[in-house]
Amino acid sequence: MGSKEEMQDWLLSVGIVSPVTKESAGALYHQQLSRQLADFVRIPLERSGGMMNLIDIYCLFNRARGTELISPDDLLQACSLWEKFDVPVMVRKFDSGVMVVQNKSNSDEEVILSS
C-alpha cells in the first residue's frame, strides 16, 4: 500500500464527515452503516489489490469515523447486508476462519471466467 507516510496521509484525507450513528439513523442504522462502509472501502481495496482483512477494514473505518466508533458486531451486521444491496464489495470467510472484504470482481467465479 505504499509507505507508512502515504498511508497516514490517506487516512487523514478519508475522514468521514458525517458518520452514521444509532441516534441519527434509528432503526435504519445498520442499513445506512452498510452503505457508508461499502462506499468507504472502495479506495482501500483498490490500493490493496482488491482484498483486505476485515480487521484492517474495521481499524481504518473507525479511524476515519473519529469519535463515532462502531463495534465489531455492528461491522459484521453492516457487512452482512451487502448481499441485499447492489454494492461492488462482499465479505468472504476462508476455511481458516479469516474474513476479508473483497471486490466482487475479484470473486473466484469472476477470476475463473476471465481466465
PDB file of N, CA and C in Angstrom:
ATOM      1  N   MET A   1       0.821  -1.199   0.000  1.00  0.00           N
ATOM      2  CA  MET A   1       0.000   0.000   0.000  1.00  0.00           C
ATOM      3  C   MET A   1       0.856   1.250   0.000  1.00  0.00           C
ATOM      4  N   GLY A   2       2.147   1.120  -0.128  1.00  0.00           N
ATOM      5  CA  GLY A   2       2.992   2.300  -0.149  1.00  0.00           C
ATOM      6  C   GLY A   2       3.663   2.505   1.183  1.00  0.00           C
ATOM      7  N   SER A   3       4.249   3.665   1.336  1.00  0.00           N
ATOM      8  CA  SER A   3       4.981   3.952   2.562  1.00  0.00           C
ATOM      9  C   SER A   3       4.030   4.249   3.723  1.00  0.00           C
ATOM     10  N   LYS A   4       4.587   4.216   4.902  1.00  0.00           N
ATOM     11  CA  LYS A   4       3.806   4.499   6.104  1.00  0.00           C
ATOM     12  C   LYS A   4       3.262   5.928   6.067  1.00  0.00           C
ATOM     13  N   GLU A   5       4.055   6.853   5.564  1.00  0.00           N
ATOM     14  CA  GLU A   5       3.633   8.249   5.476  1.00  0.00           C
ATOM     15  C   GLU A   5       2.465   8.408   4.498  1.00  0.00           C
ATOM     16  N   GLU A   6       2.532   7.695   3.350  1.00  0.00           N
ATOM     17  CA  GLU A   6       1.437   7.759   2.385  1.00  0.00           C
ATOM     18  C   GLU A   6       0.147   7.235   3.007  1.00  0.00           C
ATOM     19  N   MET A   7       0.263   6.155   3.769  1.00  0.00           N
ATOM     20  CA  MET A   7      -0.906   5.569   4.417  1.00  0.00           C
ATOM     21  C   MET A   7      -1.495   6.536   5.431  1.00  0.00           C
ATOM     22  N   GLN A   8      -0.654   7.185   6.214  1.00  0.00           N
ATOM     23  CA  GLN A   8      -1.140   8.142   7.199  1.00  0.00           C
ATOM     24  C   GLN A   8      -1.802   9.334   6.518  1.00  0.00           C
ATOM     25  N   ASP A   9      -1.213   9.811   5.423  1.00  0.00           N
ATOM     26  CA  ASP A   9      -1.821  10.910   4.668  1.00  0.00           C
ATOM     27  C   ASP A   9      -3.188  10.508   4.141  1.00  0.00           C
ATOM     28  N   TRP A  10      -3.262   9.282   3.626  1.00  0.00           N
ATOM     29  CA  TRP A  10      -4.523   8.799   3.096  1.00  0.00           C
ATOM     30  C   TRP A  10      -5.570   8.696   4.204  1.00  0.00           C
ATOM     31  N   LEU A  11      -5.185   8.168   5.369  1.00  0.00           N
ATOM     32  CA  LEU A  11      -6.121   8.046   6.484  1.00  0.00           C
ATOM     33  C   LEU A  11      -6.678   9.407   6.890  1.00  0.00           C
ATOM     34  N   LEU A  12      -5.812  10.390   6.931  1.00  0.00           N
ATOM     35  CA  LEU A  12      -6.266  11.727   7.311  1.00  0.00           C
ATOM     36  C   LEU A  12      -7.197  12.321   6.269  1.00  0.00           C
ATOM     37  N   SER A  13      -7.004  11.952   5.006  1.00  0.00           N
ATOM     38  CA  SER A  13      -7.812  12.536   3.943  1.00  0.00           C
ATOM     39  C   SER A  13      -9.168  11.861   3.773  1.00  0.00           C
ATOM     40  N   VAL A  14      -9.368  10.678   4.341  1.00  0.00           N
ATOM     41  CA  VAL A  14     -10.614   9.967   4.134  1.00  0.00           C
ATOM     42  C   VAL A  14     -11.556  10.037   5.321  1.00  0.00           C
ATOM     43  N   GLY A  15     -11.347  10.958   6.191  1.00  0.00           N
ATOM     44  CA  GLY A  15     -12.232  11.091   7.333  1.00  0.00           C
ATOM     45  C   GLY A  15     -13.680  11.207   6.895  1.00  0.00           C
ATOM     46  N   ILE A  16     -14.559  10.540   7.590  1.00  0.00           N
ATOM     47  CA  ILE A  16     -15.977  10.568   7.259  1.00  0.00           C
ATOM     48  C   ILE A  16     -16.582  11.783   7.938  1.00  0.00           C
ATOM     49  N   VAL A  17     -17.087  12.699   7.125  1.00  0.00           N
ATOM     50  CA  VAL A  17     -17.585  13.969   7.637  1.00  0.00           C
ATOM     51  C   VAL A  17     -18.818  13.788   8.508  1.00  0.00           C
ATOM     52  N   SER A  18     -19.773  12.993   8.083  1.00  0.00           N
ATOM     53  CA  SER A  18     -20.988  12.785   8.882  1.00  0.00           C
ATOM     54  C   SER A  18     -21.242  11.286   9.052  1.00  0.00           C
ATOM     55  N   PRO A  19     -20.562  10.666  10.015  1.00  0.00           N
ATOM     56  CA  PRO A  19     -20.735   9.227  10.217  1.00  0.00           C
ATOM     57  C   PRO A  19     -22.152   8.885  10.673  1.00  0.00           C
ATOM     58  N   VAL A  20     -22.649   7.765  10.195  1.00  0.00           N
ATOM     59  CA  VAL A  20     -23.959   7.270  10.606  1.00  0.00           C
ATOM     60  C   VAL A  20     -23.866   6.858  12.074  1.00  0.00           C
ATOM     61  N   THR A  21     -24.841   7.273  12.869  1.00  0.00           N
ATOM     62  CA  THR A  21     -24.876   6.878  14.277  1.00  0.00           C
ATOM     63  C   THR A  21     -26.233   6.249  14.581  1.00  0.00           C
ATOM     64  N   LYS A  22     -26.300   5.523  15.679  1.00  0.00           N
ATOM     65  CA  LYS A  22     -27.569   4.908  16.087  1.00  0.00           C
ATOM     66  C   LYS A  22     -28.604   5.985  16.397  1.00  0.00           C
ATOM     67  N   GLU A  23     -28.137   7.097  16.932  1.00  0.00           N
ATOM     68  CA  GLU A  23     -29.056   8.178  17.268  1.00  0.00           C
ATOM     69  C   GLU A  23     -29.630   8.846  16.016  1.00  0.00           C
ATOM     70  N   SER A  24     -28.798   9.047  15.019  1.00  0.00           N
ATOM     71  CA  SER A  24     -29.265   9.736  13.813  1.00  0.00           C
ATOM     72  C   SER A  24     -30.061   8.835  12.884  1.00  0.00           C
ATOM     73  N   ALA A  25     -29.767   7.539  12.859  1.00  0.00           N
ATOM     74  CA  ALA A  25     -30.406   6.641  11.900  1.00  0.00           C
ATOM     75  C   ALA A  25     -31.535   5.804  12.498  1.00  0.00           C
ATOM     76  N   GLY A  26     -31.525   5.641  13.799  1.00  0.00           N
ATOM     77  CA  GLY A  26     -32.574   4.849  14.432  1.00  0.00           C
ATOM     78  C   GLY A  26     -32.607   3.415  13.932  1.00  0.00           C
ATOM     79  N   ALA A  27     -33.788   2.956  13.517  1.00  0.00           N
ATOM     80  CA  ALA A  27     -33.980   1.580  13.075  1.00  0.00           C
ATOM     81  C   ALA A  27     -33.226   1.271  11.783  1.00  0.00           C
ATOM     82  N   LEU A  28     -32.848   2.282  11.036  1.00  0.00           N
ATOM     83  CA  LEU A  28     -32.136   2.089   9.772  1.00  0.00           C
ATOM     84  C   LEU A  28     -30.622   2.129   9.945  1.00  0.00           C
ATOM     85  N   TYR A  29     -30.156   2.086  11.178  1.00  0.00           N
ATOM     86  CA  TYR A  29     -28.735   2.245  11.462  1.00  0.00           C
ATOM     87  C   TYR A  29     -27.851   1.285  10.670  1.00  0.00           C
ATOM     88  N   HIS A  30     -28.124  -0.006  10.744  1.00  0.00           N
ATOM     89  CA  HIS A  30     -27.251  -0.973  10.079  1.00  0.00           C
ATOM     90  C   HIS A  30     -27.328  -0.863   8.561  1.00  0.00           C
ATOM     91  N   GLN A  31     -28.490  -0.519   8.030  1.00  0.00           N
ATOM     92  CA  GLN A  31     -28.613  -0.335   6.582  1.00  0.00           C
ATOM     93  C   GLN A  31     -27.776   0.852   6.118  1.00  0.00           C
ATOM     94  N   GLN A  32     -27.898   1.964   6.824  1.00  0.00           N
ATOM     95  CA  GLN A  32     -27.131   3.153   6.445  1.00  0.00           C
ATOM     96  C   GLN A  32     -25.638   2.942   6.681  1.00  0.00           C
ATOM     97  N   LEU A  33     -25.300   2.282   7.769  1.00  0.00           N
ATOM     98  CA  LEU A  33     -23.901   1.976   8.057  1.00  0.00           C
ATOM     99  C   LEU A  33     -23.331   1.072   6.968  1.00  0.00           C
ATOM    100  N   SER A  34     -24.112   0.122   6.513  1.00  0.00           N
ATOM    101  CA  SER A  34     -23.692  -0.795   5.463  1.00  0.00           C
ATOM    102  C   SER A  34     -23.350  -0.042   4.184  1.00  0.00           C
ATOM    103  N   ARG A  35     -24.192   0.875   3.793  1.00  0.00           N
ATOM    104  CA  ARG A  35     -23.944   1.655   2.571  1.00  0.00           C
ATOM    105  C   ARG A  35     -22.719   2.569   2.735  1.00  0.00           C
ATOM    106  N   GLN A  36     -22.602   3.189   3.907  1.00  0.00           N
ATOM    107  CA  GLN A  36     -21.455   4.068   4.149  1.00  0.00           C
ATOM    108  C   GLN A  36     -20.157   3.258   4.127  1.00  0.00           C
ATOM    109  N   LEU A  37     -20.170   2.093   4.711  1.00  0.00           N
ATOM    110  CA  LEU A  37     -18.996   1.227   4.733  1.00  0.00           C
ATOM    111  C   LEU A  37     -18.631   0.761   3.327  1.00  0.00           C
ATOM    112  N   ALA A  38     -19.623   0.388   2.534  1.00  0.00           N
ATOM    113  CA  ALA A  38     -19.368  -0.056   1.160  1.00  0.00           C
ATOM    114  C   ALA A  38     -18.726   1.062   0.341  1.00  0.00           C
ATOM    115  N   ASP A  39     -19.176   2.294   0.542  1.00  0.00           N
ATOM    116  CA  ASP A  39     -18.556   3.437  -0.150  1.00  0.00           C
ATOM    117  C   ASP A  39     -17.130   3.661   0.341  1.00  0.00           C
ATOM    118  N   PHE A  40     -16.944   3.542   1.637  1.00  0.00           N
ATOM    119  CA  PHE A  40     -15.647   3.802   2.242  1.00  0.00           C
ATOM    120  C   PHE A  40     -14.569   2.826   1.780  1.00  0.00           C
ATOM    121  N   VAL A  41     -14.899   1.543   1.674  1.00  0.00           N
ATOM    122  CA  VAL A  41     -13.875   0.529   1.417  1.00  0.00           C
ATOM    123  C   VAL A  41     -13.349   0.530  -0.021  1.00  0.00           C
ATOM    124  N   ARG A  42     -13.984   1.253  -0.910  1.00  0.00           N
ATOM    125  CA  ARG A  42     -13.546   1.217  -2.311  1.00  0.00           C
ATOM    126  C   ARG A  42     -12.085   1.627  -2.479  1.00  0.00           C
ATOM    127  N   ILE A  43     -11.673   2.729  -1.881  1.00  0.00           N
ATOM    128  CA  ILE A  43     -10.300   3.212  -2.048  1.00  0.00           C
ATOM    129  C   ILE A  43      -9.288   2.277  -1.383  1.00  0.00           C
ATOM    130  N   PRO A  44      -9.502   1.867  -0.119  1.00  0.00           N
ATOM    131  CA  PRO A  44      -8.527   0.938   0.463  1.00  0.00           C
ATOM    132  C   PRO A  44      -8.419  -0.379  -0.318  1.00  0.00           C
ATOM    133  N   LEU A  45      -9.544  -0.880  -0.824  1.00  0.00           N
ATOM    134  CA  LEU A  45      -9.496  -2.117  -1.601  1.00  0.00           C
ATOM    135  C   LEU A  45      -8.734  -1.922  -2.901  1.00  0.00           C
ATOM    136  N   GLU A  46      -8.962  -0.807  -3.533  1.00  0.00           N
ATOM    137  CA  GLU A  46      -8.248  -0.514  -4.786  1.00  0.00           C
ATOM    138  C   GLU A  46      -6.746  -0.461  -4.547  1.00  0.00           C
ATOM    139  N   ARG A  47      -6.348   0.145  -3.461  1.00  0.00           N
ATOM    140  CA  ARG A  47      -4.923   0.293  -3.153  1.00  0.00           C
ATOM    141  C   ARG A  47      -4.278  -1.007  -2.682  1.00  0.00           C
ATOM    142  N   SER A  48      -5.099  -1.941  -2.218  1.00  0.00           N
ATOM    143  CA  SER A  48      -4.535  -3.192  -1.705  1.00  0.00           C
ATOM    144  C   SER A  48      -4.713  -4.364  -2.665  1.00  0.00           C
ATOM    145  N   GLY A  49      -5.122  -4.103  -3.869  1.00  0.00           N
ATOM    146  CA  GLY A  49      -5.256  -5.179  -4.846  1.00  0.00           C
ATOM    147  C   GLY A  49      -6.608  -5.861  -4.853  1.00  0.00           C
ATOM    148  N   GLY A  50      -7.599  -5.296  -4.191  1.00  0.00           N
ATOM    149  CA  GLY A  50      -8.952  -5.829  -4.258  1.00  0.00           C
ATOM    150  C   GLY A  50      -9.400  -6.670  -3.086  1.00  0.00           C
ATOM    151  N   MET A  51      -8.528  -6.857  -2.085  1.00  0.00           N
ATOM    152  CA  MET A  51      -8.897  -7.672  -0.928  1.00  0.00           C
ATOM    153  C   MET A  51      -8.167  -7.173   0.312  1.00  0.00           C
ATOM    154  N   MET A  52      -8.904  -7.082   1.430  1.00  0.00           N
ATOM    155  CA  MET A  52      -8.305  -6.686   2.706  1.00  0.00           C
ATOM    156  C   MET A  52      -8.926  -7.496   3.834  1.00  0.00           C
ATOM    157  N   ASN A  53      -8.130  -7.753   4.838  1.00  0.00           N
ATOM    158  CA  ASN A  53      -8.579  -8.428   6.045  1.00  0.00           C
ATOM    159  C   ASN A  53      -9.667  -7.578   6.708  1.00  0.00           C
ATOM    160  N   LEU A  54     -10.720  -8.213   7.214  1.00  0.00           N
ATOM    161  CA  LEU A  54     -11.818  -7.494   7.853  1.00  0.00           C
ATOM    162  C   LEU A  54     -11.350  -6.698   9.065  1.00  0.00           C
ATOM    163  N   ILE A  55     -10.359  -7.205   9.767  1.00  0.00           N
ATOM    164  CA  ILE A  55      -9.839  -6.483  10.933  1.00  0.00           C
ATOM    165  C   ILE A  55      -9.208  -5.155  10.500  1.00  0.00           C
ATOM    166  N   ASP A  56      -8.481  -5.171   9.380  1.00  0.00           N
ATOM    167  CA  ASP A  56      -7.884  -3.934   8.873  1.00  0.00           C
ATOM    168  C   ASP A  56      -8.959  -2.936   8.451  1.00  0.00           C
ATOM    169  N   ILE A  57     -10.017  -3.427   7.819  1.00  0.00           N
ATOM    170  CA  ILE A  57     -11.138  -2.565   7.426  1.00  0.00           C
ATOM    171  C   ILE A  57     -11.762  -1.944   8.666  1.00  0.00           C
ATOM    172  N   TYR A  58     -11.950  -2.743   9.701  1.00  0.00           N
ATOM    173  CA  TYR A  58     -12.524  -2.261  10.957  1.00  0.00           C
ATOM    174  C   TYR A  58     -11.687  -1.111  11.528  1.00  0.00           C
ATOM    175  N   CYS A  59     -10.374  -1.291  11.553  1.00  0.00           N
ATOM    176  CA  CYS A  59      -9.482  -0.257  12.088  1.00  0.00           C
ATOM    177  C   CYS A  59      -9.511   1.010  11.235  1.00  0.00           C
ATOM    178  N   LEU A  60      -9.427   0.855   9.917  1.00  0.00           N
ATOM    179  CA  LEU A  60      -9.449   2.016   9.023  1.00  0.00           C
ATOM    180  C   LEU A  60     -10.766   2.775   9.120  1.00  0.00           C
ATOM    181  N   PHE A  61     -11.870   2.038   9.150  1.00  0.00           N
ATOM    182  CA  PHE A  61     -13.194   2.662   9.192  1.00  0.00           C
ATOM    183  C   PHE A  61     -13.386   3.426  10.494  1.00  0.00           C
ATOM    184  N   ASN A  62     -13.027   2.821  11.617  1.00  0.00           N
ATOM    185  CA  ASN A  62     -13.164   3.515  12.899  1.00  0.00           C
ATOM    186  C   ASN A  62     -12.238   4.719  12.974  1.00  0.00           C
ATOM    187  N   ARG A  63     -11.056   4.597  12.396  1.00  0.00           N
ATOM    188  CA  ARG A  63     -10.131   5.738  12.376  1.00  0.00           C
ATOM    189  C   ARG A  63     -10.743   6.907  11.599  1.00  0.00           C
ATOM    190  N   ALA A  64     -11.388   6.596  10.481  1.00  0.00           N
ATOM    191  CA  ALA A  64     -11.999   7.636   9.656  1.00  0.00           C
ATOM    192  C   ALA A  64     -13.229   8.244  10.332  1.00  0.00           C
ATOM    193  N   ARG A  65     -13.884   7.488  11.198  1.00  0.00           N
ATOM    194  CA  ARG A  65     -15.084   7.974  11.875  1.00  0.00           C
ATOM    195  C   ARG A  65     -14.754   8.888  13.056  1.00  0.00           C
ATOM    196  N   GLY A  66     -13.510   8.942  13.448  1.00  0.00           N
ATOM    197  CA  GLY A  66     -13.138   9.824  14.555  1.00  0.00           C
ATOM    198  C   GLY A  66     -13.624   9.279  15.884  1.00  0.00           C
ATOM    199  N   THR A  67     -14.529  10.015  16.543  1.00  0.00           N
ATOM    200  CA  THR A  67     -15.007   9.605  17.865  1.00  0.00           C
ATOM    201  C   THR A  67     -16.284   8.775  17.806  1.00  0.00           C
ATOM    202  N   GLU A  68     -16.884   8.627  16.647  1.00  0.00           N
ATOM    203  CA  GLU A  68     -18.124   7.857  16.491  1.00  0.00           C
ATOM    204  C   GLU A  68     -17.797   6.411  16.111  1.00  0.00           C
ATOM    205  N   LEU A  69     -17.130   5.701  17.013  1.00  0.00           N
ATOM    206  CA  LEU A  69     -16.667   4.350  16.737  1.00  0.00           C
ATOM    207  C   LEU A  69     -17.826   3.356  16.677  1.00  0.00           C
ATOM    208  N   ILE A  70     -17.622   2.285  15.895  1.00  0.00           N
ATOM    209  CA  ILE A  70     -18.609   1.211  15.827  1.00  0.00           C
ATOM    210  C   ILE A  70     -18.027  -0.033  16.469  1.00  0.00           C
ATOM    211  N   SER A  71     -18.904  -0.931  16.857  1.00  0.00           N
ATOM    212  CA  SER A  71     -18.451  -2.181  17.467  1.00  0.00           C
ATOM    213  C   SER A  71     -18.161  -3.211  16.383  1.00  0.00           C
ATOM    214  N   PRO A  72     -17.410  -4.251  16.724  1.00  0.00           N
ATOM    215  CA  PRO A  72     -17.192  -5.339  15.758  1.00  0.00           C
ATOM    216  C   PRO A  72     -18.511  -5.978  15.302  1.00  0.00           C
ATOM    217  N   ASP A  73     -19.476  -6.097  16.214  1.00  0.00           N
ATOM    218  CA  ASP A  73     -20.779  -6.666  15.850  1.00  0.00           C
ATOM    219  C   ASP A  73     -21.514  -5.785  14.837  1.00  0.00           C
ATOM    220  N   ASP A  74     -21.447  -4.471  15.038  1.00  0.00           N
ATOM    221  CA  ASP A  74     -22.080  -3.554  14.083  1.00  0.00           C
ATOM    222  C   ASP A  74     -21.429  -3.682  12.708  1.00  0.00           C
ATOM    223  N   LEU A  75     -20.108  -3.839  12.685  1.00  0.00           N
ATOM    224  CA  LEU A  75     -19.403  -4.008  11.416  1.00  0.00           C
ATOM    225  C   LEU A  75     -19.869  -5.288  10.720  1.00  0.00           C
ATOM    226  N   LEU A  76     -19.939  -6.380  11.444  1.00  0.00           N
ATOM    227  CA  LEU A  76     -20.373  -7.642  10.845  1.00  0.00           C
ATOM    228  C   LEU A  76     -21.802  -7.564  10.325  1.00  0.00           C
ATOM    229  N   GLN A  77     -22.681  -6.927  11.090  1.00  0.00           N
ATOM    230  CA  GLN A  77     -24.072  -6.780  10.644  1.00  0.00           C
ATOM    231  C   GLN A  77     -24.156  -5.916   9.395  1.00  0.00           C
ATOM    232  N   ALA A  78     -23.382  -4.834   9.360  1.00  0.00           N
ATOM    233  CA  ALA A  78     -23.378  -3.959   8.187  1.00  0.00           C
ATOM    234  C   ALA A  78     -22.851  -4.708   6.968  1.00  0.00           C
ATOM    235  N   CYS A  79     -21.794  -5.473   7.129  1.00  0.00           N
ATOM    236  CA  CYS A  79     -21.230  -6.242   6.017  1.00  0.00           C
ATOM    237  C   CYS A  79     -22.195  -7.311   5.528  1.00  0.00           C
ATOM    238  N   SER A  80     -22.927  -7.926   6.446  1.00  0.00           N
ATOM    239  CA  SER A  80     -23.858  -8.989   6.047  1.00  0.00           C
ATOM    240  C   SER A  80     -24.999  -8.447   5.189  1.00  0.00           C
ATOM    241  N   LEU A  81     -25.281  -7.162   5.284  1.00  0.00           N
ATOM    242  CA  LEU A  81     -26.347  -6.551   4.482  1.00  0.00           C
ATOM    243  C   LEU A  81     -25.912  -6.277   3.041  1.00  0.00           C
ATOM    244  N   TRP A  82     -24.631  -6.363   2.750  1.00  0.00           N
ATOM    245  CA  TRP A  82     -24.161  -6.117   1.382  1.00  0.00           C
ATOM    246  C   TRP A  82     -24.800  -7.059   0.381  1.00  0.00           C
ATOM    247  N   GLU A  83     -25.150  -8.274   0.823  1.00  0.00           N
ATOM    248  CA  GLU A  83     -25.795  -9.231  -0.075  1.00  0.00           C
ATOM    249  C   GLU A  83     -27.132  -8.707  -0.580  1.00  0.00           C
ATOM    250  N   LYS A  84     -27.823  -7.914   0.233  1.00  0.00           N
ATOM    251  CA  LYS A  84     -29.135  -7.374  -0.139  1.00  0.00           C
ATOM    252  C   LYS A  84     -29.034  -6.126  -1.003  1.00  0.00           C
ATOM    253  N   PHE A  85     -27.918  -5.428  -0.901  1.00  0.00           N
ATOM    254  CA  PHE A  85     -27.741  -4.181  -1.639  1.00  0.00           C
ATOM    255  C   PHE A  85     -26.867  -4.423  -2.863  1.00  0.00           C
ATOM    256  N   ASP A  86     -27.017  -3.578  -3.835  1.00  0.00           N
ATOM    257  CA  ASP A  86     -26.208  -3.686  -5.047  1.00  0.00           C
ATOM    258  C   ASP A  86     -24.915  -2.902  -4.838  1.00  0.00           C
ATOM    259  N   VAL A  87     -23.982  -3.508  -4.100  1.00  0.00           N
ATOM    260  CA  VAL A  87     -22.693  -2.870  -3.839  1.00  0.00           C
ATOM    261  C   VAL A  87     -21.591  -3.713  -4.474  1.00  0.00           C
ATOM    262  N   PRO A  88     -20.488  -3.097  -4.856  1.00  0.00           N
ATOM    263  CA  PRO A  88     -19.434  -3.828  -5.567  1.00  0.00           C
ATOM    264  C   PRO A  88     -18.474  -4.612  -4.677  1.00  0.00           C
ATOM    265  N   VAL A  89     -18.817  -4.784  -3.401  1.00  0.00           N
ATOM    266  CA  VAL A  89     -17.933  -5.488  -2.466  1.00  0.00           C
ATOM    267  C   VAL A  89     -18.695  -6.600  -1.751  1.00  0.00           C
ATOM    268  N   MET A  90     -17.932  -7.514  -1.167  1.00  0.00           N
ATOM    269  CA  MET A  90     -18.528  -8.617  -0.417  1.00  0.00           C
ATOM    270  C   MET A  90     -17.584  -9.057   0.686  1.00  0.00           C
ATOM    271  N   VAL A  91     -18.131  -9.793   1.648  1.00  0.00           N
ATOM    272  CA  VAL A  91     -17.331 -10.382   2.717  1.00  0.00           C
ATOM    273  C   VAL A  91     -17.154 -11.852   2.374  1.00  0.00           C
ATOM    274  N   ARG A  92     -15.953 -12.313   2.623  1.00  0.00           N
ATOM    275  CA  ARG A  92     -15.638 -13.717   2.338  1.00  0.00           C
ATOM    276  C   ARG A  92     -14.961 -14.309   3.562  1.00  0.00           C
ATOM    277  N   LYS A  93     -15.374 -15.522   3.923  1.00  0.00           N
ATOM    278  CA  LYS A  93     -14.759 -16.228   5.045  1.00  0.00           C
ATOM    279  C   LYS A  93     -14.054 -17.458   4.507  1.00  0.00           C
ATOM    280  N   PHE A  94     -12.761 -17.527   4.747  1.00  0.00           N
ATOM    281  CA  PHE A  94     -11.967 -18.666   4.307  1.00  0.00           C
ATOM    282  C   PHE A  94     -12.120 -19.820   5.288  1.00  0.00           C
ATOM    283  N   ASP A  95     -11.728 -21.012   4.853  1.00  0.00           N
ATOM    284  CA  ASP A  95     -11.820 -22.203   5.701  1.00  0.00           C
ATOM    285  C   ASP A  95     -11.052 -22.025   7.008  1.00  0.00           C
ATOM    286  N   SER A  96     -10.018 -21.214   6.979  1.00  0.00           N
ATOM    287  CA  SER A  96      -9.206 -20.965   8.177  1.00  0.00           C
ATOM    288  C   SER A  96      -9.940 -20.087   9.194  1.00  0.00           C
ATOM    289  N   GLY A  97     -11.053 -19.468   8.772  1.00  0.00           N
ATOM    290  CA  GLY A  97     -11.792 -18.565   9.647  1.00  0.00           C
ATOM    291  C   GLY A  97     -11.493 -17.104   9.385  1.00  0.00           C
ATOM    292  N   VAL A  98     -10.469 -16.824   8.596  1.00  0.00           N
ATOM    293  CA  VAL A  98     -10.108 -15.448   8.260  1.00  0.00           C
ATOM    294  C   VAL A  98     -11.209 -14.840   7.393  1.00  0.00           C
ATOM    295  N   MET A  99     -11.631 -13.641   7.759  1.00  0.00           N
ATOM    296  CA  MET A  99     -12.647 -12.941   6.990  1.00  0.00           C
ATOM    297  C   MET A  99     -12.008 -11.760   6.272  1.00  0.00           C
ATOM    298  N   VAL A 100     -12.375 -11.589   5.009  1.00  0.00           N
ATOM    299  CA  VAL A 100     -11.842 -10.500   4.206  1.00  0.00           C
ATOM    300  C   VAL A 100     -12.994  -9.770   3.524  1.00  0.00           C
ATOM    301  N   VAL A 101     -12.704  -8.539   3.141  1.00  0.00           N
ATOM    302  CA  VAL A 101     -13.601  -7.776   2.273  1.00  0.00           C
ATOM    303  C   VAL A 101     -12.912  -7.758   0.924  1.00  0.00           C
ATOM    304  N   GLN A 102     -13.675  -8.036  -0.123  1.00  0.00           N
ATOM    305  CA  GLN A 102     -13.077  -8.033  -1.449  1.00  0.00           C
ATOM    306  C   GLN A 102     -14.053  -7.459  -2.464  1.00  0.00           C
ATOM    307  N   ASN A 103     -13.479  -6.962  -3.547  1.00  0.00           N
ATOM    308  CA  ASN A 103     -14.292  -6.511  -4.666  1.00  0.00           C
ATOM    309  C   ASN A 103     -14.982  -7.728  -5.264  1.00  0.00           C
ATOM    310  N   LYS A 104     -16.234  -7.574  -5.673  1.00  0.00           N
ATOM    311  CA  LYS A 104     -16.943  -8.693  -6.296  1.00  0.00           C
ATOM    312  C   LYS A 104     -16.251  -9.127  -7.578  1.00  0.00           C
ATOM    313  N   SER A 105     -15.582  -8.199  -8.235  1.00  0.00           N
ATOM    314  CA  SER A 105     -14.879  -8.557  -9.467  1.00  0.00           C
ATOM    315  C   SER A 105     -13.678  -9.452  -9.193  1.00  0.00           C
ATOM    316  N   ASN A 106     -13.305  -9.601  -7.928  1.00  0.00           N
ATOM    317  CA  ASN A 106     -12.205 -10.485  -7.545  1.00  0.00           C
ATOM    318  C   ASN A 106     -12.716 -11.814  -7.001  1.00  0.00           C
ATOM    319  N   SER A 107     -14.009 -12.098  -7.186  1.00  0.00           N
ATOM    320  CA  SER A 107     -14.548 -13.359  -6.685  1.00  0.00           C
ATOM    321  C   SER A 107     -13.967 -14.517  -7.495  1.00  0.00           C
ATOM    322  N   ASP A 108     -14.010 -15.703  -6.918  1.00  0.00           N
ATOM    323  CA  ASP A 108     -13.467 -16.888  -7.598  1.00  0.00           C
ATOM    324  C   ASP A 108     -14.130 -17.092  -8.954  1.00  0.00           C
ATOM    325  N   GLU A 109     -15.436 -16.893  -9.001  1.00  0.00           N
ATOM    326  CA  GLU A 109     -16.166 -17.099 -10.247  1.00  0.00           C
ATOM    327  C   GLU A 109     -15.700 -16.127 -11.317  1.00  0.00           C
ATOM    328  N   GLU A 110     -15.523 -14.869 -10.958  1.00  0.00           N
ATOM    329  CA  GLU A 110     -15.080 -13.853 -11.928  1.00  0.00           C
ATOM    330  C   GLU A 110     -13.659 -14.129 -12.403  1.00  0.00           C
ATOM    331  N   VAL A 111     -12.801 -14.553 -11.488  1.00  0.00           N
ATOM    332  CA  VAL A 111     -11.415 -14.847 -11.854  1.00  0.00           C
ATOM    333  C   VAL A 111     -11.369 -16.032 -12.814  1.00  0.00           C
ATOM    334  N   ILE A 112     -12.164 -17.063 -12.533  1.00  0.00           N
ATOM    335  CA  ILE A 112     -12.205 -18.245 -13.393  1.00  0.00           C
ATOM    336  C   ILE A 112     -12.740 -17.888 -14.778  1.00  0.00           C
ATOM    337  N   LEU A 113     -13.808 -17.081 -14.832  1.00  0.00           N
ATOM    338  CA  LEU A 113     -14.387 -16.688 -16.105  1.00  0.00           C
ATOM    339  C   LEU A 113     -13.448 -15.843 -16.942  1.00  0.00           C
ATOM    340  N   SER A 114     -12.620 -15.032 -16.302  1.00  0.00           N
ATOM    341  CA  SER A 114     -11.715 -14.164 -17.054  1.00  0.00           C
ATOM    342  C   SER A 114     -10.437 -14.874 -17.489  1.00  0.00           C
ATOM    343  N   SER A 115     -10.236 -16.103 -17.022  1.00  0.00           N
ATOM    344  CA  SER A 115      -9.016 -16.853 -17.391  1.00  0.00           C
ATOM    345  C   SER A 115      -9.120 -17.442 -18.771  1.00  0.00           C
TER     346      SER A 115
END
